[in-house]
Amino acid sequence: MKPIPFEQSWPYEKQGEDIYIEECPFCGSTSVLTHMKEKHLQQAKERVKTRLVMPCCHGRMMIIEADDDYFWTTEKLRQ
C-alpha cells in the first residue's frame, strides 16, 4: 500500500473521552472539541473511513486512517 502524504494529515489530541483538534484546518478556530466518539476513533485506527464534521465551521474531513497522534485524510490539509 502506498503511504499517505504528510500533507493529508492533521494532528489531534485525546483527553479522557474527548477528542480535540488544536486548530481547525478549514477556519482556523483553536482548541476545537469534536463530536467524535471513541468507537469512531477506533474504527479510523482500523482503517475504516470515518467522516469528521468540524463543529466550528461544518468543514468535513474524510479520515482514512488514524494513529495515536494524527488523522490521515483523503484530501490535502496542509500547504
N, C-alpha and C. Protein backbone atom coordinates (compact mmCIF):
# COMPACT_ATOMS: atom_id res chain seq x y z
N MET A 1 0.84 -1.19 0.00
CA MET A 1 0.00 0.00 0.00
C MET A 1 0.88 1.25 0.00
N LYS A 2 0.54 2.19 -0.83
CA LYS A 2 1.28 3.44 -0.95
C LYS A 2 1.06 4.30 0.30
N PRO A 3 2.13 4.87 0.89
CA PRO A 3 1.97 5.71 2.08
C PRO A 3 1.17 6.99 1.77
N ILE A 4 0.44 7.45 2.77
CA ILE A 4 -0.35 8.67 2.64
C ILE A 4 0.59 9.86 2.85
N PRO A 5 0.55 10.86 1.95
CA PRO A 5 1.43 12.02 2.11
C PRO A 5 1.14 12.80 3.41
N PHE A 6 2.18 13.38 3.99
CA PHE A 6 2.03 14.13 5.24
C PHE A 6 1.08 15.32 5.08
N GLU A 7 0.97 15.87 3.88
CA GLU A 7 0.07 17.00 3.63
C GLU A 7 -1.38 16.61 3.89
N GLN A 8 -1.68 15.31 3.91
CA GLN A 8 -3.03 14.82 4.12
C GLN A 8 -3.23 14.35 5.56
N SER A 9 -2.47 14.93 6.49
CA SER A 9 -2.61 14.55 7.89
C SER A 9 -2.97 15.77 8.72
N TRP A 10 -3.58 15.50 9.88
CA TRP A 10 -3.89 16.59 10.80
C TRP A 10 -3.79 16.05 12.22
N PRO A 11 -3.10 16.76 13.12
CA PRO A 11 -2.92 16.27 14.49
C PRO A 11 -4.20 16.41 15.32
N TYR A 12 -4.34 15.50 16.26
CA TYR A 12 -5.45 15.57 17.21
C TYR A 12 -4.93 15.17 18.58
N GLU A 13 -5.71 15.48 19.60
CA GLU A 13 -5.36 15.08 20.97
C GLU A 13 -6.57 14.43 21.61
N LYS A 14 -6.31 13.42 22.40
CA LYS A 14 -7.38 12.74 23.13
C LYS A 14 -7.16 13.00 24.61
N GLN A 15 -8.19 13.54 25.27
CA GLN A 15 -8.14 13.79 26.70
C GLN A 15 -9.36 13.11 27.32
N GLY A 16 -9.12 12.02 27.98
CA GLY A 16 -10.24 11.23 28.51
C GLY A 16 -11.06 10.68 27.36
N GLU A 17 -12.33 10.98 27.35
CA GLU A 17 -13.23 10.53 26.27
C GLU A 17 -13.31 11.56 25.14
N ASP A 18 -12.73 12.75 25.34
CA ASP A 18 -12.86 13.85 24.39
C ASP A 18 -11.71 13.86 23.38
N ILE A 19 -12.06 14.24 22.14
CA ILE A 19 -11.07 14.33 21.07
C ILE A 19 -11.04 15.78 20.59
N TYR A 20 -9.89 16.40 20.70
CA TYR A 20 -9.70 17.80 20.35
C TYR A 20 -8.81 17.94 19.12
N ILE A 21 -9.05 19.01 18.39
CA ILE A 21 -8.14 19.43 17.33
C ILE A 21 -7.65 20.81 17.72
N GLU A 22 -6.33 20.96 17.78
CA GLU A 22 -5.73 22.21 18.24
C GLU A 22 -6.15 23.40 17.38
N GLU A 23 -6.15 23.20 16.06
CA GLU A 23 -6.56 24.27 15.14
C GLU A 23 -7.31 23.66 13.97
N CYS A 24 -8.48 24.19 13.69
CA CYS A 24 -9.29 23.68 12.58
C CYS A 24 -8.58 23.96 11.25
N PRO A 25 -8.43 22.95 10.39
CA PRO A 25 -7.76 23.18 9.11
C PRO A 25 -8.59 24.00 8.12
N PHE A 26 -9.86 24.20 8.42
CA PHE A 26 -10.75 24.90 7.50
C PHE A 26 -10.96 26.37 7.88
N CYS A 27 -11.19 26.66 9.17
CA CYS A 27 -11.49 28.05 9.57
C CYS A 27 -10.46 28.64 10.53
N GLY A 28 -9.56 27.80 11.08
CA GLY A 28 -8.52 28.30 11.97
C GLY A 28 -8.93 28.43 13.43
N SER A 29 -10.15 28.02 13.80
CA SER A 29 -10.56 28.06 15.21
C SER A 29 -9.60 27.20 16.02
N THR A 30 -9.37 27.59 17.27
CA THR A 30 -8.43 26.85 18.11
C THR A 30 -9.15 26.05 19.18
N SER A 31 -8.49 25.01 19.65
CA SER A 31 -8.98 24.13 20.72
C SER A 31 -10.41 23.67 20.44
N VAL A 32 -10.59 23.01 19.31
CA VAL A 32 -11.92 22.57 18.88
C VAL A 32 -12.22 21.20 19.48
N LEU A 33 -13.29 21.13 20.25
CA LEU A 33 -13.78 19.86 20.78
C LEU A 33 -14.66 19.23 19.71
N THR A 34 -14.24 18.08 19.18
CA THR A 34 -15.01 17.43 18.12
C THR A 34 -16.15 16.61 18.73
N HIS A 35 -17.05 16.19 17.87
CA HIS A 35 -18.15 15.32 18.29
C HIS A 35 -17.80 13.85 18.11
N MET A 36 -16.54 13.57 17.77
CA MET A 36 -16.12 12.19 17.51
C MET A 36 -16.17 11.37 18.79
N LYS A 37 -16.72 10.17 18.67
CA LYS A 37 -16.80 9.24 19.80
C LYS A 37 -15.61 8.28 19.74
N GLU A 38 -15.33 7.68 20.86
CA GLU A 38 -14.22 6.72 20.97
C GLU A 38 -14.36 5.59 19.95
N LYS A 39 -15.57 5.10 19.74
CA LYS A 39 -15.77 3.98 18.80
C LYS A 39 -15.43 4.40 17.38
N HIS A 40 -15.68 5.67 17.02
CA HIS A 40 -15.34 6.14 15.67
C HIS A 40 -13.83 6.31 15.52
N LEU A 41 -13.17 6.75 16.57
CA LEU A 41 -11.71 6.84 16.54
C LEU A 41 -11.11 5.46 16.38
N GLN A 42 -11.64 4.49 17.09
CA GLN A 42 -11.14 3.12 16.99
C GLN A 42 -11.35 2.58 15.58
N GLN A 43 -12.49 2.88 14.96
CA GLN A 43 -12.74 2.46 13.58
C GLN A 43 -11.70 3.07 12.65
N ALA A 44 -11.40 4.35 12.84
CA ALA A 44 -10.40 5.02 12.00
C ALA A 44 -9.03 4.36 12.17
N LYS A 45 -8.71 3.96 13.39
CA LYS A 45 -7.44 3.28 13.63
C LYS A 45 -7.40 1.91 12.95
N GLU A 46 -8.57 1.35 12.69
CA GLU A 46 -8.67 0.07 11.99
C GLU A 46 -8.83 0.26 10.48
N ARG A 47 -8.59 1.48 10.01
CA ARG A 47 -8.65 1.85 8.60
C ARG A 47 -10.04 1.77 7.99
N VAL A 48 -11.05 2.10 8.79
CA VAL A 48 -12.42 2.23 8.29
C VAL A 48 -12.63 3.73 8.05
N LYS A 49 -13.06 4.09 6.82
CA LYS A 49 -13.27 5.50 6.52
C LYS A 49 -14.28 6.10 7.49
N THR A 50 -13.92 7.24 8.05
CA THR A 50 -14.73 7.91 9.06
C THR A 50 -14.82 9.39 8.71
N ARG A 51 -16.03 9.93 8.66
CA ARG A 51 -16.20 11.35 8.37
C ARG A 51 -16.22 12.13 9.67
N LEU A 52 -15.50 13.25 9.70
CA LEU A 52 -15.50 14.14 10.85
C LEU A 52 -15.98 15.50 10.38
N VAL A 53 -17.08 15.97 10.96
CA VAL A 53 -17.62 17.30 10.66
C VAL A 53 -17.18 18.22 11.80
N MET A 54 -16.48 19.26 11.44
CA MET A 54 -15.98 20.19 12.45
C MET A 54 -17.14 21.03 12.99
N PRO A 55 -17.29 21.10 14.31
CA PRO A 55 -18.41 21.84 14.89
C PRO A 55 -18.28 23.36 14.74
N CYS A 56 -17.09 23.84 14.49
CA CYS A 56 -16.87 25.29 14.40
C CYS A 56 -17.34 25.89 13.07
N CYS A 57 -17.14 25.17 11.97
CA CYS A 57 -17.45 25.73 10.65
C CYS A 57 -18.15 24.74 9.72
N HIS A 58 -18.39 23.55 10.21
CA HIS A 58 -19.03 22.47 9.44
C HIS A 58 -18.17 21.97 8.28
N GLY A 59 -16.87 22.29 8.30
CA GLY A 59 -15.95 21.70 7.33
C GLY A 59 -15.88 20.20 7.57
N ARG A 60 -15.66 19.45 6.50
CA ARG A 60 -15.66 17.99 6.62
C ARG A 60 -14.31 17.42 6.20
N MET A 61 -13.86 16.44 6.97
CA MET A 61 -12.68 15.69 6.55
C MET A 61 -13.04 14.21 6.56
N MET A 62 -12.59 13.51 5.54
CA MET A 62 -12.79 12.07 5.47
C MET A 62 -11.50 11.41 5.94
N ILE A 63 -11.55 10.79 7.09
CA ILE A 63 -10.39 10.14 7.69
C ILE A 63 -10.29 8.73 7.13
N ILE A 64 -9.15 8.41 6.54
CA ILE A 64 -8.97 7.06 6.01
C ILE A 64 -8.13 6.19 6.94
N GLU A 65 -7.45 6.85 7.87
CA GLU A 65 -6.63 6.12 8.84
C GLU A 65 -6.31 7.06 9.98
N ALA A 66 -6.08 6.50 11.16
CA ALA A 66 -5.66 7.30 12.31
C ALA A 66 -4.59 6.52 13.07
N ASP A 67 -3.69 7.27 13.68
CA ASP A 67 -2.75 6.67 14.62
C ASP A 67 -2.96 7.37 15.95
N ASP A 68 -2.03 7.30 16.86
CA ASP A 68 -2.21 7.91 18.17
C ASP A 68 -2.06 9.43 18.17
N ASP A 69 -1.59 10.00 17.06
CA ASP A 69 -1.34 11.45 17.00
C ASP A 69 -2.01 12.17 15.84
N TYR A 70 -2.24 11.47 14.73
CA TYR A 70 -2.71 12.12 13.51
C TYR A 70 -3.90 11.41 12.89
N PHE A 71 -4.75 12.23 12.25
CA PHE A 71 -5.75 11.72 11.32
C PHE A 71 -5.12 11.80 9.93
N TRP A 72 -5.29 10.77 9.13
CA TRP A 72 -4.80 10.74 7.76
C TRP A 72 -6.03 10.78 6.86
N THR A 73 -6.10 11.77 5.98
CA THR A 73 -7.34 12.07 5.26
C THR A 73 -7.22 11.86 3.76
N THR A 74 -8.35 12.00 3.08
CA THR A 74 -8.39 11.84 1.63
C THR A 74 -7.98 13.11 0.91
N GLU A 75 -7.90 14.23 1.61
CA GLU A 75 -7.58 15.50 0.95
C GLU A 75 -6.38 16.18 1.60
N LYS A 76 -5.77 17.06 0.87
CA LYS A 76 -4.63 17.82 1.34
C LYS A 76 -5.11 18.89 2.33
N LEU A 77 -4.58 18.88 3.53
CA LEU A 77 -4.98 19.83 4.58
C LEU A 77 -3.87 20.83 4.91
N ARG A 78 -2.67 20.56 4.46
CA ARG A 78 -1.52 21.43 4.74
C ARG A 78 -1.00 22.03 3.44
N GLN A 79 -0.33 23.17 3.56
CA GLN A 79 0.28 23.81 2.40
C GLN A 79 1.62 23.21 2.11
